[in-house]
Amino acid sequence: MAKLQNHTKDNPKLEQRPLKDGRISLYLEYYLGRTETPVVDEDGNPVLYTTGAMAGRPKVKITHNRKKETLPYYLIASPKTPAERQQNKEILELAKRVRYEREEELKENKHGYRLKKEEVEINYLDWMAEYHANYTKSDGNQIRRARTVFIDFLIDPKMRLLPEKVKGDMTKEEKEAIKKNNAKKVAEREKKAAGLKVKPEQLTKDLMRSFTEYLINRFTGEGAHTVYGRFKKMILAALDKDIIAKNPCRGVSIKKDNGQLKKEILSQEEVVLLANTHYEKENPDIHRAFIFCLYCGLRWCDVKDLTYVNVDYSNKLLKFEQSKTKAHSAASGVVIPLNDGLLALIGQPKDGNRNQIIFPLPSHTMCLKALRHWVARAGIEKHITRHCARHSCGTNLLSNGANIKTVASILGHSGLAHTEKYTRAVDSLKQAAIDSMPPLNI
C-alpha cells in the first residue's frame, strides 16, 4: 500500500487504512494542538523535576490532540485494469479536494479567514464523481453510468471508440479479436478522459441537445431515456448546491413512448428451454431468481431483497413492498399467489431463520454476465436483461388469457396504463380479437 503524499503543514492530513474486503479506506486526521496537564503525587502536590535545566520546575504531561474523520471514499488495493486505476485516481482527487475544503474551514474557525469559494475552480466531472460516491439510493449504478456515458460523449461524440459487442454466434477467434480490439479502445478512451475538465458554465443548452442526440443514436429501447434521467438528476442536485447557475436541461428532453414495449420478451417455449438449460459452474441462485421473476413478474431490486418472512406457506402467498414505489404509492404492497412449483423454487429457510434472504445474489455485473451466458447456452438469440423477466411475465400472462386487471395486480401497477403496453406485444391476443368477429362469407 503506497503512502499518501502529505505536506508537512497540511492540517488535516489525508491518511489511509486497509480493510478486510481488500479496499483501502480514506480518512482525515486533524491536529488540534496540545494540552499540558500538571503531574501531581498521591497527595495532590505538584511533582518537580530534580535534575537538569528543568530542576525545581513542576512536571507536566503533554497530550497531542487529534481527531479522525472517515471519508466515504475507497481505493482498490491492487488495481489491475486501466479502468480501476482511473477510478483510484478520480477518488483520490476527490479526497484531496475534500481535505483542502476542510483545511479552509479549520482556518476560518481558527483565524477568521477563508479563501472565497469562487476562487476554487470546479471541474463538473469531479463533482459528478463526488455526488455518486455519496449517493445512497438503489439506482447508484445508473448514476455512475450516466457520468461515464457523458464522458464518452465529450471525448468521442461520433462513437468511434465504443467497443463492439461480442455476439454468441461468433467463432472463438472472432470473439478474441474483438475483445482485444475493445481493450485497446477502452485504454484509448481512459487516456483521453484522464485530463478532461468541464467548467459548470460550459454546460449549455446546445451541449445538452448534442448529448441527447448522442444518447438516442447510441442506445436502443429505454436506455437513452434512463441515462438522461439520471444525468438530469445530477444537474438538479448541482443546481441546488449552487455548482451551476441555471438548468441547461430545461426544455431539452428525450421523449419516451410509454405505450410501446421495447425490451426483448421470452416466449413461454423459451422460458421452459431456459429453465431446463444448465452448465458447469452455474450460479443456482441467479437461475432460481430469474425463473421466479419470469413466473411472478418481480423487479430484480425486489427479488434480491426477499426473505422467507415474505412467504405465507399455509396460504401459498408472497407478500412484499415494491422498492420502486414504497412510501410513494398506496399501491406499493403486492400479494402474489404461489403454486407448488414456485414454493419448491423458494425452498425452506435454514435452521428455521425466516429473516434469511431467499435468493442471495452477487453484484449487478455478475448477475448480468451470468444471465447472458445462460441465455446464449440455451441458444436464445435475444438481448435479455434482468428486467426482461418482468416484461416476459406480463406478456405471457396476457397471452394465456389472463384479465388485464389481474395482470396489473400481480405486477403491482397502480393503474392499467403501464399494463396496456403488454397487450401491444401479444400477437395472439390481436389475432384472437380479429377472429372473434363474425365470419365473412364472400
Protein backbone atom coordinates (compact mmCIF):
# COMPACT_ATOMS: atom_id res chain seq x y z
CA MET A 1 0.00 0.00 0.00
CA ALA A 2 1.65 3.22 -1.21
CA LYS A 3 1.88 6.05 1.31
CA LEU A 4 -0.13 9.17 0.52
CA GLN A 5 1.86 12.34 -0.11
CA ASN A 6 1.13 14.98 2.56
CA HIS A 7 2.85 18.34 3.02
CA THR A 8 4.35 18.98 6.45
CA LYS A 9 1.91 21.78 7.28
CA ASP A 10 -1.22 20.06 5.96
CA ASN A 11 -3.95 20.05 8.60
CA PRO A 12 -5.90 17.85 8.30
CA LYS A 13 -3.75 15.19 6.66
CA LEU A 14 -5.18 12.65 4.22
CA GLU A 15 -4.50 9.13 5.51
CA GLN A 16 -5.46 5.58 4.56
CA ARG A 17 -6.03 2.20 6.14
CA PRO A 18 -6.58 -1.24 4.56
CA LEU A 19 -9.90 -3.05 5.03
CA LYS A 20 -10.54 -6.77 5.25
CA ASP A 21 -12.52 -6.78 1.99
CA GLY A 22 -9.46 -5.65 0.00
CA ARG A 23 -10.35 -1.97 -0.28
CA ILE A 24 -8.46 0.99 1.17
CA SER A 25 -10.44 3.41 3.32
CA LEU A 26 -9.51 7.12 3.25
CA TYR A 27 -9.78 9.40 6.27
CA LEU A 28 -8.64 12.81 7.53
CA GLU A 29 -6.55 13.28 10.65
CA TYR A 30 -6.76 16.69 12.33
CA TYR A 31 -4.17 18.09 14.72
CA LEU A 32 -5.96 20.20 17.32
CA GLY A 33 -2.99 21.36 19.35
CA ARG A 34 -1.61 20.06 22.63
CA THR A 35 -2.76 20.05 26.25
CA GLU A 36 -0.40 20.41 29.22
CA THR A 37 -1.57 18.74 32.43
CA PRO A 38 0.42 19.19 35.71
CA VAL A 39 1.76 15.94 37.20
CA VAL A 40 0.80 15.52 40.87
CA ASP A 41 1.63 12.96 43.55
CA GLU A 42 -0.80 10.93 45.68
CA ASP A 43 -1.42 13.94 47.93
CA GLY A 44 -2.18 16.22 45.00
CA ASN A 45 1.08 18.13 45.24
CA PRO A 46 2.98 19.09 42.05
CA VAL A 47 5.84 16.78 41.11
CA LEU A 48 9.05 18.73 40.40
CA TYR A 49 11.97 17.99 38.13
CA THR A 50 15.02 17.14 40.27
CA THR A 51 17.83 17.31 37.71
CA GLY A 52 18.89 19.18 34.62
CA ALA A 53 17.87 22.61 33.38
CA MET A 54 14.24 21.98 34.49
CA ALA A 55 15.19 21.22 38.10
CA GLY A 56 12.70 22.74 40.54
CA ARG A 57 10.00 23.27 37.93
CA PRO A 58 6.71 21.32 38.01
CA LYS A 59 6.40 18.37 35.67
CA VAL A 60 3.69 18.45 33.03
CA LYS A 61 2.13 15.73 30.89
CA ILE A 62 1.81 16.78 27.23
CA THR A 63 -1.08 15.33 25.23
CA HIS A 64 -1.30 15.89 21.48
CA ASN A 65 -4.96 16.20 20.49
CA ARG A 66 -6.05 14.63 17.24
CA LYS A 67 -9.33 13.56 15.70
CA LYS A 68 -10.21 11.48 12.67
CA GLU A 69 -12.93 11.94 10.04
CA THR A 70 -13.74 8.92 7.91
CA LEU A 71 -14.42 9.80 4.28
CA PRO A 72 -16.95 7.87 2.14
CA TYR A 73 -14.25 7.10 -0.42
CA TYR A 74 -12.42 3.82 -1.03
CA LEU A 75 -9.48 2.86 -3.23
CA ILE A 76 -8.95 -0.51 -4.91
CA ALA A 77 -5.92 -2.01 -3.14
CA SER A 78 -4.46 -3.69 -6.23
CA PRO A 79 -5.92 -2.15 -9.41
CA LYS A 80 -5.43 -4.48 -12.37
CA THR A 81 -7.14 -2.66 -15.25
CA PRO A 82 -6.90 0.86 -16.70
CA ALA A 83 -10.49 1.47 -15.55
CA GLU A 84 -9.63 0.54 -11.95
CA ARG A 85 -6.51 2.72 -11.98
CA GLN A 86 -8.53 5.63 -13.39
CA GLN A 87 -11.18 5.09 -10.69
CA ASN A 88 -8.49 5.22 -7.99
CA LYS A 89 -7.13 8.42 -9.49
CA GLU A 90 -10.55 10.09 -9.54
CA ILE A 91 -11.39 9.04 -5.97
CA LEU A 92 -8.02 10.28 -4.71
CA GLU A 93 -8.56 13.65 -6.39
CA LEU A 94 -11.97 13.90 -4.73
CA ALA A 95 -10.49 13.12 -1.33
CA LYS A 96 -7.78 15.77 -1.82
CA ARG A 97 -10.42 18.37 -2.67
CA VAL A 98 -12.34 17.49 0.49
CA ARG A 99 -9.13 17.71 2.54
CA TYR A 100 -8.45 21.18 1.10
CA GLU A 101 -12.02 22.28 1.86
CA ARG A 102 -11.75 21.04 5.47
CA GLU A 103 -8.45 22.89 5.87
CA GLU A 104 -10.08 26.16 4.78
CA GLU A 105 -12.93 25.56 7.23
CA LEU A 106 -10.39 24.99 10.00
CA LYS A 107 -8.59 28.21 9.11
CA GLU A 108 -11.88 30.12 9.10
CA ASN A 109 -12.74 28.86 12.58
CA LYS A 110 -9.27 29.49 13.96
CA HIS A 111 -8.18 32.69 12.20
CA GLY A 112 -11.41 34.16 10.83
CA TYR A 113 -10.49 33.96 7.16
CA ARG A 114 -11.10 31.62 4.29
CA LEU A 115 -10.49 31.58 0.56
CA LYS A 116 -13.60 32.52 -1.38
CA LYS A 117 -15.42 29.60 -2.96
CA GLU A 118 -15.30 31.26 -6.36
CA GLU A 119 -11.52 31.13 -6.28
CA VAL A 120 -11.58 27.33 -6.32
CA GLU A 121 -12.09 26.16 -9.91
CA ILE A 122 -14.70 23.41 -10.08
CA ASN A 123 -14.44 20.52 -12.52
CA TYR A 124 -18.03 19.36 -13.00
CA LEU A 125 -16.86 15.81 -13.78
CA ASP A 126 -15.15 15.66 -10.37
CA TRP A 127 -18.32 16.95 -8.75
CA MET A 128 -20.34 14.21 -10.52
CA ALA A 129 -17.95 11.56 -9.17
CA GLU A 130 -18.29 13.03 -5.65
CA TYR A 131 -22.08 13.02 -5.99
CA HIS A 132 -22.01 9.33 -6.94
CA ALA A 133 -19.62 8.47 -4.11
CA ASN A 134 -22.07 9.95 -1.57
CA TYR A 135 -25.20 8.60 -3.28
CA THR A 136 -27.07 6.04 -1.17
CA LYS A 137 -30.19 5.17 -3.21
CA SER A 138 -30.67 1.90 -5.10
CA ASP A 139 -30.02 3.40 -8.57
CA GLY A 140 -26.40 4.24 -7.76
CA ASN A 141 -25.13 2.14 -10.68
CA GLN A 142 -27.29 4.14 -13.09
CA ILE A 143 -25.91 7.40 -11.64
CA ARG A 144 -22.35 6.17 -12.25
CA ARG A 145 -23.32 5.01 -15.74
CA ALA A 146 -24.75 8.44 -16.62
CA ARG A 147 -21.44 10.08 -15.73
CA THR A 148 -19.47 7.51 -17.73
CA VAL A 149 -21.68 7.94 -20.80
CA PHE A 150 -21.40 11.74 -20.54
CA ILE A 151 -17.59 11.41 -20.53
CA ASP A 152 -17.83 9.08 -23.56
CA PHE A 153 -19.85 11.77 -25.33
CA LEU A 154 -17.34 14.51 -24.50
CA ILE A 155 -14.29 12.61 -25.74
CA ASP A 156 -15.91 10.82 -28.69
CA PRO A 157 -19.29 12.29 -29.81
CA LYS A 158 -19.13 10.26 -33.04
CA MET A 159 -18.92 6.99 -31.05
CA ARG A 160 -15.80 5.83 -32.86
CA LEU A 161 -14.25 4.47 -29.65
CA LEU A 162 -17.24 2.47 -28.40
CA PRO A 163 -16.31 -1.23 -28.34
CA GLU A 164 -18.23 -3.72 -30.45
CA LYS A 165 -20.47 -6.31 -28.81
CA VAL A 166 -19.32 -9.93 -28.69
CA LYS A 167 -22.19 -11.96 -30.14
CA GLY A 168 -22.94 -15.57 -29.30
CA ASP A 169 -22.81 -16.84 -32.89
CA MET A 170 -19.20 -15.75 -33.47
CA THR A 171 -16.28 -18.13 -33.56
CA LYS A 172 -13.86 -18.19 -30.65
CA GLU A 173 -11.18 -16.48 -32.76
CA GLU A 174 -13.58 -13.69 -33.79
CA LYS A 175 -14.62 -13.11 -30.18
CA GLU A 176 -10.99 -12.95 -29.02
CA ALA A 177 -10.12 -10.49 -31.79
CA ILE A 178 -12.99 -8.20 -30.84
CA LYS A 179 -12.15 -8.41 -27.11
CA LYS A 180 -8.53 -7.48 -27.88
CA ASN A 181 -9.65 -4.56 -30.03
CA ASN A 182 -12.11 -3.50 -27.32
CA ALA A 183 -9.32 -3.43 -24.72
CA LYS A 184 -7.32 -1.06 -26.93
CA LYS A 185 -10.35 1.20 -27.41
CA VAL A 186 -11.11 1.27 -23.68
CA ALA A 187 -7.47 2.13 -22.90
CA GLU A 188 -7.56 4.91 -25.50
CA ARG A 189 -10.81 6.24 -24.07
CA GLU A 190 -9.45 6.19 -20.49
CA LYS A 191 -6.33 8.04 -21.60
CA LYS A 192 -8.40 10.77 -23.24
CA ALA A 193 -10.73 11.02 -20.23
CA ALA A 194 -7.90 11.33 -17.68
CA GLY A 195 -7.24 15.04 -18.22
CA LEU A 196 -10.78 16.04 -19.15
CA LYS A 197 -12.23 19.09 -17.39
CA VAL A 198 -15.66 20.67 -17.69
CA LYS A 199 -16.42 24.02 -16.07
CA PRO A 200 -20.03 24.49 -14.87
CA GLU A 201 -20.51 27.41 -17.27
CA GLN A 202 -19.70 25.07 -20.19
CA LEU A 203 -22.90 23.11 -19.55
CA THR A 204 -25.08 24.90 -22.11
CA LYS A 205 -28.43 24.06 -23.69
CA ASP A 206 -26.70 23.43 -27.02
CA LEU A 207 -24.39 20.92 -25.36
CA MET A 208 -27.40 19.16 -23.83
CA ARG A 209 -29.12 18.95 -27.24
CA SER A 210 -26.00 17.33 -28.69
CA PHE A 211 -25.83 14.96 -25.71
CA THR A 212 -29.45 13.83 -26.17
CA GLU A 213 -28.83 13.19 -29.89
CA TYR A 214 -25.79 11.11 -28.91
CA LEU A 215 -27.88 9.09 -26.43
CA ILE A 216 -30.65 8.42 -28.97
CA ASN A 217 -28.09 7.20 -31.54
CA ARG A 218 -26.16 5.12 -29.03
CA PHE A 219 -28.94 3.29 -27.20
CA THR A 220 -31.93 1.21 -28.18
CA GLY A 221 -35.04 0.67 -26.09
CA GLU A 222 -35.27 2.76 -22.94
CA GLY A 223 -31.51 3.22 -22.48
CA ALA A 224 -31.34 6.81 -23.72
CA HIS A 225 -34.28 7.91 -21.57
CA THR A 226 -32.86 6.16 -18.47
CA VAL A 227 -29.35 7.60 -18.78
CA TYR A 228 -30.61 11.12 -19.46
CA GLY A 229 -32.99 10.89 -16.49
CA ARG A 230 -30.10 10.14 -14.10
CA PHE A 231 -27.97 12.84 -15.74
CA LYS A 232 -30.74 15.40 -15.14
CA LYS A 233 -30.94 14.21 -11.54
CA MET A 234 -27.30 15.22 -11.05
CA ILE A 235 -27.91 18.53 -12.82
CA LEU A 236 -30.73 19.38 -10.39
CA ALA A 237 -28.52 18.43 -7.43
CA ALA A 238 -25.73 20.68 -8.76
CA LEU A 239 -28.26 23.48 -9.18
CA ASP A 240 -29.37 23.02 -5.56
CA LYS A 241 -25.73 23.16 -4.36
CA ASP A 242 -25.01 26.33 -6.40
CA ILE A 243 -22.46 24.45 -8.51
CA ILE A 244 -24.25 25.65 -11.65
CA ALA A 245 -26.24 28.87 -12.06
CA LYS A 246 -29.11 27.58 -14.25
CA ASN A 247 -30.53 24.32 -15.52
CA PRO A 248 -29.15 23.63 -19.05
CA CYS A 249 -31.54 20.65 -19.44
CA ARG A 250 -34.68 22.78 -19.19
CA GLY A 251 -36.63 22.34 -22.41
CA VAL A 252 -34.28 19.60 -23.68
CA SER A 253 -35.91 16.18 -23.40
CA ILE A 254 -35.94 12.65 -24.76
CA LYS A 255 -39.50 11.56 -25.41
CA LYS A 256 -40.44 8.09 -24.30
CA ASP A 257 -43.29 6.04 -25.73
CA ASN A 258 -44.74 4.56 -22.54
CA GLY A 259 -47.22 2.53 -24.54
CA GLN A 260 -44.57 0.68 -26.54
CA LEU A 261 -42.74 -2.32 -25.07
CA LYS A 262 -39.16 -2.09 -26.33
CA LYS A 263 -37.35 -4.79 -24.36
CA GLU A 264 -36.99 -8.33 -25.62
CA ILE A 265 -39.58 -10.88 -24.48
CA LEU A 266 -39.03 -14.56 -23.75
CA SER A 267 -41.85 -16.70 -25.11
CA GLN A 268 -43.35 -19.48 -23.00
CA GLU A 269 -41.38 -22.05 -25.00
CA GLU A 270 -38.15 -20.09 -24.40
CA VAL A 271 -38.93 -19.85 -20.68
CA VAL A 272 -39.16 -23.66 -20.50
CA LEU A 273 -35.99 -24.01 -22.59
CA LEU A 274 -34.10 -21.62 -20.31
CA ALA A 275 -35.32 -23.36 -17.15
CA ASN A 276 -34.03 -26.70 -18.49
CA THR A 277 -30.63 -25.31 -19.58
CA HIS A 278 -27.73 -25.89 -17.18
CA TYR A 279 -23.97 -25.59 -17.48
CA GLU A 280 -20.82 -26.14 -15.44
CA LYS A 281 -20.16 -23.66 -12.61
CA GLU A 282 -23.56 -22.01 -12.98
CA ASN A 283 -24.87 -19.90 -10.09
CA PRO A 284 -28.06 -21.66 -8.90
CA ASP A 285 -29.27 -18.56 -7.03
CA ILE A 286 -29.22 -16.46 -10.22
CA HIS A 287 -31.13 -19.24 -12.02
CA ARG A 288 -33.75 -19.56 -9.28
CA ALA A 289 -34.24 -15.80 -9.01
CA PHE A 290 -34.62 -15.22 -12.76
CA ILE A 291 -37.03 -18.15 -13.22
CA PHE A 292 -39.02 -16.85 -10.24
CA CYS A 293 -39.24 -13.40 -11.88
CA LEU A 294 -40.35 -14.98 -15.17
CA TYR A 295 -43.30 -16.57 -13.37
CA CYS A 296 -44.14 -13.83 -10.85
CA GLY A 297 -43.06 -10.63 -12.63
CA LEU A 298 -40.89 -9.19 -9.85
CA ARG A 299 -38.33 -6.49 -10.49
CA TRP A 300 -34.75 -7.55 -9.78
CA CYS A 301 -34.44 -4.94 -7.00
CA ASP A 302 -37.38 -6.63 -5.25
CA VAL A 303 -36.43 -10.28 -5.74
CA LYS A 304 -32.91 -9.78 -4.35
CA ASP A 305 -34.31 -8.44 -1.04
CA LEU A 306 -37.00 -11.09 -0.49
CA THR A 307 -36.79 -13.00 2.78
CA TYR A 308 -38.75 -16.02 3.98
CA VAL A 309 -40.83 -13.61 6.08
CA ASN A 310 -42.43 -12.52 2.79
CA VAL A 311 -43.73 -16.06 2.15
CA ASP A 312 -47.04 -17.26 3.61
CA TYR A 313 -46.61 -21.02 3.18
CA SER A 314 -50.01 -22.01 4.60
CA ASN A 315 -51.97 -19.78 2.20
CA LYS A 316 -49.41 -20.04 -0.64
CA LEU A 317 -48.90 -16.27 -0.93
CA LEU A 318 -45.95 -13.92 -1.49
CA LYS A 319 -46.34 -10.51 0.17
CA PHE A 320 -43.86 -7.63 -0.20
CA GLU A 321 -43.47 -3.88 -0.67
CA GLN A 322 -42.12 -2.71 -4.04
CA SER A 323 -38.84 -0.83 -3.64
CA LYS A 324 -39.62 1.48 -6.56
CA THR A 325 -42.93 2.77 -5.16
CA LYS A 326 -42.51 2.22 -1.42
CA ALA A 327 -43.58 5.35 0.53
CA HIS A 328 -44.61 6.98 -2.77
CA SER A 329 -47.72 5.00 -3.70
CA ALA A 330 -50.65 3.46 -1.85
CA ALA A 331 -50.38 0.50 -4.24
CA SER A 332 -46.79 -0.38 -3.31
CA GLY A 333 -47.86 -3.55 -1.49
CA VAL A 334 -48.14 -6.65 -3.69
CA VAL A 335 -49.69 -10.05 -2.97
CA ILE A 336 -48.91 -12.85 -5.46
CA PRO A 337 -50.40 -16.36 -5.25
CA LEU A 338 -47.85 -19.19 -5.36
CA ASN A 339 -48.16 -22.76 -6.63
CA ASP A 340 -46.25 -25.85 -5.54
CA GLY A 341 -43.59 -25.31 -8.21
CA LEU A 342 -42.84 -21.76 -7.06
CA LEU A 343 -42.79 -22.85 -3.41
CA ALA A 344 -40.27 -25.55 -4.34
CA LEU A 345 -38.19 -22.86 -6.08
CA ILE A 346 -38.25 -20.78 -2.88
CA GLY A 347 -37.49 -23.71 -0.56
CA GLN A 348 -37.34 -23.55 3.23
CA PRO A 349 -35.13 -21.35 5.48
CA LYS A 350 -32.07 -22.97 7.01
CA ASP A 351 -32.29 -23.51 10.78
CA GLY A 352 -35.78 -22.00 10.70
CA ASN A 353 -34.43 -18.43 10.36
CA ARG A 354 -37.13 -16.68 8.33
CA ASN A 355 -35.08 -13.47 8.09
CA GLN A 356 -32.69 -15.09 5.62
CA ILE A 357 -32.52 -13.80 2.04
CA ILE A 358 -34.27 -16.26 -0.30
CA PHE A 359 -32.06 -15.51 -3.31
CA PRO A 360 -28.53 -14.46 -2.16
CA LEU A 361 -27.35 -12.80 -5.36
CA PRO A 362 -23.92 -11.44 -6.36
CA SER A 363 -23.33 -7.97 -7.83
CA HIS A 364 -25.33 -6.36 -10.65
CA THR A 365 -22.49 -7.01 -13.11
CA MET A 366 -22.03 -10.66 -12.14
CA CYS A 367 -25.77 -11.34 -12.45
CA LEU A 368 -25.91 -9.77 -15.90
CA LYS A 369 -22.85 -11.68 -17.15
CA ALA A 370 -24.24 -14.98 -15.86
CA LEU A 371 -27.65 -14.28 -17.41
CA ARG A 372 -26.18 -13.50 -20.84
CA HIS A 373 -24.03 -16.64 -20.74
CA TRP A 374 -27.05 -18.71 -19.69
CA VAL A 375 -29.25 -17.33 -22.49
CA ALA A 376 -26.51 -17.97 -25.06
CA ARG A 377 -26.07 -21.57 -23.84
CA ALA A 378 -29.82 -22.07 -24.30
CA GLY A 379 -29.45 -20.98 -27.92
CA ILE A 380 -31.74 -17.97 -27.49
CA GLU A 381 -30.58 -15.14 -29.76
CA LYS A 382 -32.13 -12.23 -27.90
CA HIS A 383 -30.70 -9.37 -25.83
CA ILE A 384 -32.07 -10.45 -22.45
CA THR A 385 -31.55 -8.36 -19.31
CA ARG A 386 -32.86 -8.94 -15.79
CA HIS A 387 -35.86 -6.66 -16.33
CA CYS A 388 -36.92 -8.71 -19.37
CA ALA A 389 -38.24 -11.30 -16.91
CA ARG A 390 -40.88 -8.86 -15.64
CA HIS A 391 -41.95 -7.91 -19.17
CA SER A 392 -41.98 -11.56 -20.27
CA CYS A 393 -44.22 -12.45 -17.32
CA GLY A 394 -46.74 -9.70 -18.09
CA THR A 395 -46.84 -10.56 -21.78
CA ASN A 396 -47.18 -14.32 -21.24
CA LEU A 397 -49.91 -13.94 -18.63
CA LEU A 398 -51.97 -11.87 -21.08
CA SER A 399 -51.17 -14.30 -23.89
CA ASN A 400 -52.65 -17.11 -21.77
CA GLY A 401 -55.89 -15.16 -21.43
CA ALA A 402 -55.43 -13.54 -18.01
CA ASN A 403 -57.54 -10.46 -17.32
CA ILE A 404 -55.58 -7.22 -17.69
CA LYS A 405 -56.64 -6.09 -14.18
CA THR A 406 -55.34 -9.36 -12.74
CA VAL A 407 -52.00 -8.89 -14.51
CA ALA A 408 -51.80 -5.29 -13.26
CA SER A 409 -52.38 -6.53 -9.70
CA ILE A 410 -49.67 -9.21 -9.95
CA LEU A 411 -47.15 -6.71 -11.35
CA GLY A 412 -48.06 -4.09 -8.73
CA HIS A 413 -49.22 -1.45 -11.22
CA SER A 414 -51.31 1.34 -9.68
CA GLY A 415 -53.37 1.60 -12.90
CA LEU A 416 -53.83 -0.08 -16.27
CA ALA A 417 -51.78 2.41 -18.29
CA HIS A 418 -48.49 0.57 -17.59
CA THR A 419 -50.06 -2.86 -18.16
CA GLU A 420 -51.59 -1.95 -21.51
CA LYS A 421 -48.17 -1.86 -23.18
CA TYR A 422 -48.02 -5.64 -22.78
CA THR A 423 -51.21 -6.06 -24.83
CA ARG A 424 -49.44 -4.40 -27.77
CA ALA A 425 -46.75 -7.10 -27.62
CA VAL A 426 -49.17 -10.05 -27.61
CA ASP A 427 -49.82 -11.04 -31.23
CA SER A 428 -52.05 -13.93 -30.17
CA LEU A 429 -54.46 -11.52 -28.47
CA LYS A 430 -54.60 -9.40 -31.59
CA GLN A 431 -55.29 -12.48 -33.69
CA ALA A 432 -57.97 -13.67 -31.26
CA ALA A 433 -59.64 -10.25 -31.37
CA ILE A 434 -59.81 -10.36 -35.17
CA ASP A 435 -61.01 -13.98 -35.16
CA SER A 436 -63.78 -13.07 -32.72
CA MET A 437 -65.52 -11.02 -35.41
CA PRO A 438 -68.36 -12.70 -37.38
CA PRO A 439 -67.04 -14.72 -40.33
CA LEU A 440 -67.19 -13.27 -43.79
CA ASN A 441 -68.81 -15.36 -46.50
CA ILE A 442 -67.75 -13.75 -49.75
